[in-house]
Amino acid sequence: MPPRRSRGVFSDLRNYFLRRPEIPTLIEFPTEADRENYRKRILQRLGVSVESYSILNIHQIGIRVPVKFVHEELMHWEGNSPFWPNHIATIDRIDGSRKNIEMNLLGQTTPRIRRWLRRIAPQFGTLFLMKALRIQHQPHRSDFDNARFLLYECSGGYPIGIFFQYVRSPIESQGEVERAQLFLAVSFDFYGKQHWPRGVAHTWEKIHNRVTANVMNRFKQMCEAEFREYTSDTGIALLLAKRSPSP
């Protein structure tokens, strides 16, 4: 069964912040050198300067559906998607090409408060504005792993530099078995330019990791349920009916 959509803020808190994800997704690194090496390999694949950003969190989950199917589901991401906490982090604007996305706090509550604070905090509640740097719908000719991805530059109140969703085929030598391997990563620097107290940064990081893991678990659940429906006898019959010429 696909995941149920949250009904409100309290549902979002329960489903994304309080619930322990069934499958852990955060990639752990034994040393900082390993983390740095992995960061450089990821960013070089995406065509982003490795000196400009500091990747702190990278998550991975295997999904038992084709890579192309996962990428297409990512392109259908919108405000009512059942894997996103839209009552807390509300998608207020998303264009058809997915090149520009605006994310605000608490849906329609934020614009009301912003009207009261327009002189002192006109951007109150803006989590981030996402502008696409690169979207790769088809694997590059030189790609050996069938990779597709969405790469965004982020600005706003949330301390993120870039955000990307990356899906590729499994690599057997790394023990990956599911047909699609989805990565989600953000870049930010709590310990450098942002100058936040370390305790606050550590708490924020833990919350971020919990929410991200639950998002990816719910996305996996949705993809696998929809793919089963798509490949069922009923789904195939509907697809053939759509392709049949009209009498």
Protein backbone atom coordinates (compact mmCIF):
# COMPACT_ATOMS: atom_id res chain seq x y z
CA MET A 1 0.00 0.00 0.00
CA PRO A 2 1.23 3.54 -0.73
CA PRO A 3 1.71 5.83 2.28
CA ARG A 4 -1.24 7.90 3.43
CA ARG A 5 -1.05 11.66 3.06
CA SER A 6 -0.69 13.67 6.24
CA ARG A 7 -3.85 15.50 7.29
CA GLY A 8 -2.24 18.42 9.09
CA VAL A 9 0.72 19.75 11.05
CA PHE A 10 0.35 17.14 13.80
CA SER A 11 0.30 14.33 11.22
CA ASP A 12 3.48 15.74 9.72
CA LEU A 13 5.14 15.84 13.14
CA ARG A 14 4.16 12.23 13.80
CA ASN A 15 5.06 10.85 10.37
CA TYR A 16 8.31 12.72 9.74
CA PHE A 17 9.76 14.06 12.99
CA LEU A 18 8.74 11.55 15.68
CA ARG A 19 8.59 8.25 13.80
CA ARG A 20 11.72 6.14 13.61
CA PRO A 21 12.29 5.27 9.92
CA GLU A 22 12.08 1.57 9.07
CA ILE A 23 15.19 1.72 6.86
CA PRO A 24 18.13 3.91 7.96
CA THR A 25 19.30 6.03 5.05
CA LEU A 26 22.12 8.26 6.30
CA ILE A 27 25.48 7.24 4.82
CA GLU A 28 27.99 6.97 7.66
CA PHE A 29 31.69 7.56 7.02
CA PRO A 30 34.40 6.00 9.20
CA THR A 31 36.69 9.02 8.83
CA GLU A 32 36.50 12.62 7.67
CA ALA A 33 38.87 11.70 4.82
CA ASP A 34 36.33 9.13 3.57
CA ARG A 35 33.58 11.73 3.79
CA GLU A 36 35.65 14.25 1.84
CA ASN A 37 36.50 11.71 -0.87
CA TYR A 38 32.85 10.73 -1.26
CA ARG A 39 31.80 14.38 -1.36
CA LYS A 40 34.24 15.16 -4.16
CA ARG A 41 33.16 12.17 -6.23
CA ILE A 42 29.48 13.13 -5.92
CA LEU A 43 29.95 16.79 -6.74
CA GLN A 44 32.28 16.11 -9.65
CA ARG A 45 29.60 13.90 -11.19
CA LEU A 46 27.10 16.74 -10.82
CA GLY A 47 29.38 19.34 -12.36
CA VAL A 48 29.53 21.58 -9.28
CA SER A 49 32.74 23.07 -7.96
CA VAL A 50 33.85 20.99 -4.97
CA GLU A 51 35.39 24.03 -3.33
CA SER A 52 32.10 25.94 -3.17
CA TYR A 53 30.06 23.67 -0.91
CA SER A 54 30.40 21.38 2.05
CA ILE A 55 28.25 18.27 1.85
CA LEU A 56 27.28 17.27 5.36
CA ASN A 57 24.41 14.83 4.87
CA ILE A 58 24.06 12.20 2.14
CA HIS A 59 21.22 9.67 2.30
CA GLN A 60 20.69 6.54 0.19
CA ILE A 61 17.87 4.04 -0.21
CA GLY A 62 17.28 1.14 -2.61
CA ILE A 63 13.97 0.96 -4.49
CA ARG A 64 12.68 -2.16 -6.27
CA VAL A 65 11.64 -0.37 -9.46
CA PRO A 66 13.49 0.81 -12.60
CA VAL A 67 15.64 3.94 -12.44
CA LYS A 68 13.51 5.75 -15.03
CA PHE A 69 10.36 5.12 -13.01
CA VAL A 70 11.94 6.65 -9.90
CA HIS A 71 13.11 9.73 -11.81
CA GLU A 72 9.66 10.27 -13.28
CA GLU A 73 8.12 10.05 -9.81
CA LEU A 74 10.58 12.71 -8.62
CA MET A 75 9.43 14.93 -11.48
CA HIS A 76 5.84 14.57 -10.25
CA TRP A 77 6.71 15.93 -6.79
CA GLU A 78 4.11 18.49 -5.72
CA GLY A 79 2.33 19.86 -2.70
CA ASN A 80 0.04 16.88 -2.12
CA SER A 81 2.69 14.18 -2.62
CA PRO A 82 2.23 11.55 0.14
CA PHE A 83 5.94 11.41 0.98
CA TRP A 84 6.47 15.10 1.82
CA PRO A 85 5.56 17.02 5.07
CA ASN A 86 3.68 19.66 3.13
CA HIS A 87 1.77 21.07 6.10
CA ILE A 88 5.05 22.10 7.75
CA ALA A 89 7.29 22.68 4.71
CA THR A 90 4.70 23.87 2.21
CA ILE A 91 5.36 24.02 -1.52
CA ASP A 92 3.77 27.36 -2.41
CA ARG A 93 5.09 27.55 -5.96
CA ILE A 94 6.43 24.93 -8.31
CA ASP A 95 6.58 25.40 -12.07
CA GLY A 96 5.87 22.67 -14.57
CA SER A 97 9.52 22.17 -15.46
CA ARG A 98 10.58 21.86 -11.79
CA LYS A 99 13.17 24.58 -12.36
CA ASN A 100 11.83 26.93 -9.68
CA ILE A 101 10.32 25.91 -6.34
CA GLU A 102 9.33 28.04 -3.35
CA MET A 103 9.04 26.40 0.06
CA ASN A 104 7.43 28.18 3.03
CA LEU A 105 6.74 27.33 6.64
CA LEU A 106 3.24 26.24 7.72
CA GLY A 107 1.33 26.87 4.53
CA GLN A 108 -1.16 29.74 4.60
CA THR A 109 -0.16 30.72 8.12
CA THR A 110 3.09 32.28 6.92
CA PRO A 111 1.59 34.88 4.50
CA ARG A 112 -0.75 36.09 7.25
CA ILE A 113 2.10 36.57 9.73
CA ARG A 114 4.28 38.10 7.01
CA ARG A 115 1.70 40.83 6.43
CA TRP A 116 2.09 41.88 10.05
CA LEU A 117 5.89 41.75 9.86
CA ARG A 118 6.33 43.12 6.33
CA ARG A 119 8.39 46.10 7.49
CA ILE A 120 10.80 44.25 9.77
CA ALA A 121 10.82 40.69 8.32
CA PRO A 122 9.36 40.65 4.78
CA GLN A 123 10.76 37.15 4.12
CA PHE A 124 9.50 35.61 7.36
CA GLY A 125 8.70 31.92 6.96
CA THR A 126 10.62 31.40 3.74
CA LEU A 127 12.43 28.09 4.15
CA PHE A 128 14.13 28.20 0.78
CA LEU A 129 13.85 29.12 -2.86
CA MET A 130 15.09 26.38 -5.16
CA LYS A 131 16.52 27.24 -8.57
CA ALA A 132 17.56 24.38 -10.84
CA LEU A 133 21.21 24.35 -11.81
CA ARG A 134 20.91 21.18 -13.85
CA ILE A 135 18.28 18.50 -14.47
CA GLN A 136 19.40 15.35 -16.28
CA HIS A 137 16.44 13.35 -17.60
CA GLN A 138 18.51 10.86 -19.60
CA PRO A 139 21.82 9.24 -18.66
CA HIS A 140 24.88 10.76 -20.28
CA ARG A 141 26.50 8.65 -23.01
CA SER A 142 29.56 8.14 -20.82
CA ASP A 143 27.52 7.13 -17.75
CA PHE A 144 27.95 3.49 -16.81
CA ASP A 145 25.36 3.60 -14.01
CA ASN A 146 22.26 4.93 -15.83
CA ALA A 147 22.20 8.09 -13.68
CA ARG A 148 19.52 10.78 -13.65
CA PHE A 149 19.34 13.69 -11.25
CA LEU A 150 17.90 17.04 -10.18
CA LEU A 151 20.37 19.61 -8.83
CA TYR A 152 19.22 22.84 -7.18
CA GLU A 153 20.79 25.96 -5.75
CA CYS A 154 18.94 27.03 -2.61
CA SER A 155 18.56 30.38 -0.91
CA GLY A 156 16.37 31.69 1.88
CA GLY A 157 16.23 31.18 5.62
CA TYR A 158 17.18 27.49 5.63
CA PRO A 159 21.00 27.06 5.71
CA ILE A 160 21.37 25.10 2.48
CA GLY A 161 23.66 25.79 -0.46
CA ILE A 162 22.64 23.03 -2.86
CA PHE A 163 20.11 20.20 -2.83
CA PHE A 164 20.09 17.21 -5.15
CA GLN A 165 18.16 14.04 -5.85
CA TYR A 166 20.23 11.47 -7.72
CA VAL A 167 19.13 8.01 -8.90
CA ARG A 168 21.25 5.34 -10.57
CA SER A 169 21.47 1.60 -11.15
CA PRO A 170 22.94 -0.63 -8.41
CA ILE A 171 26.65 -1.37 -8.07
CA GLU A 172 27.08 -5.03 -7.17
CA SER A 173 30.52 -4.56 -5.62
CA GLN A 174 28.92 -2.26 -3.04
CA GLY A 175 26.28 -4.83 -2.12
CA GLU A 176 23.42 -2.95 -3.78
CA VAL A 177 20.60 -5.17 -5.04
CA GLU A 178 17.52 -2.99 -5.67
CA ARG A 179 17.05 -1.87 -9.28
CA ALA A 180 17.26 1.83 -8.38
CA GLN A 181 19.52 3.53 -5.83
CA LEU A 182 18.23 6.93 -4.76
CA PHE A 183 20.51 9.52 -3.14
CA LEU A 184 19.40 12.73 -1.48
CA ALA A 185 21.94 15.25 -0.27
CA VAL A 186 22.12 18.81 0.99
CA SER A 187 25.05 21.13 1.47
CA PHE A 188 25.34 23.62 4.29
CA ASP A 189 27.91 24.88 6.74
CA PHE A 190 26.69 25.23 10.29
CA TYR A 191 30.19 25.15 11.72
CA GLY A 192 31.72 27.76 9.47
CA LYS A 193 30.03 30.69 7.80
CA GLN A 194 26.72 30.33 9.63
CA HIS A 195 28.38 30.62 13.10
CA TRP A 196 25.67 28.70 14.91
CA PRO A 197 26.40 27.21 18.35
CA ARG A 198 27.58 23.65 17.94
CA GLY A 199 24.82 22.25 20.16
CA VAL A 200 22.12 23.93 18.10
CA ALA A 201 23.72 22.73 14.87
CA HIS A 202 23.94 19.14 16.13
CA THR A 203 20.26 19.14 17.15
CA TRP A 204 19.22 20.62 13.80
CA GLU A 205 21.29 17.99 11.99
CA LYS A 206 19.59 15.15 13.88
CA ILE A 207 16.14 16.53 13.08
CA HIS A 208 17.08 16.98 9.43
CA ASN A 209 18.34 13.39 9.20
CA ARG A 210 15.17 11.98 10.79
CA VAL A 211 12.89 13.89 8.42
CA THR A 212 14.99 13.01 5.35
CA ALA A 213 15.01 9.30 6.24
CA ASN A 214 11.23 9.25 6.67
CA VAL A 215 10.74 11.12 3.37
CA MET A 216 12.89 8.55 1.55
CA ASN A 217 11.17 5.58 3.22
CA ARG A 218 7.75 6.90 2.25
CA PHE A 219 8.94 7.68 -1.28
CA LYS A 220 10.22 4.10 -1.62
CA GLN A 221 6.89 2.75 -0.36
CA MET A 222 4.97 4.91 -2.83
CA CYS A 223 7.17 3.98 -5.83
CA GLU A 224 7.00 0.25 -5.18
CA ALA A 225 3.22 0.30 -4.64
CA GLU A 226 2.60 2.32 -7.81
CA PHE A 227 4.94 0.14 -9.86
CA ARG A 228 3.13 -3.01 -8.69
CA GLU A 229 -0.15 -1.43 -9.77
CA TYR A 230 1.37 -0.28 -13.06
CA THR A 231 2.67 -3.76 -13.91
CA SER A 232 -0.44 -5.63 -12.74
CA ASP A 233 -2.86 -7.17 -15.22
CA THR A 234 -5.23 -4.23 -14.69
CA GLY A 235 -2.49 -1.67 -15.25
CA ILE A 236 -1.29 -3.33 -18.44
CA ALA A 237 -4.86 -3.57 -19.75
CA LEU A 238 -5.43 0.15 -19.13
CA LEU A 239 -2.15 1.01 -20.86
CA LEU A 240 -3.06 -1.08 -23.92
CA ALA A 241 -6.51 0.49 -24.01
CA LYS A 242 -4.98 3.98 -24.09
CA ARG A 243 -2.75 2.97 -27.01
CA SER A 244 -5.52 1.30 -29.02
CA PRO A 245 -6.83 3.38 -31.95
CA SER A 246 -10.34 4.78 -31.59
CA PRO A 247 -13.03 3.02 -33.67
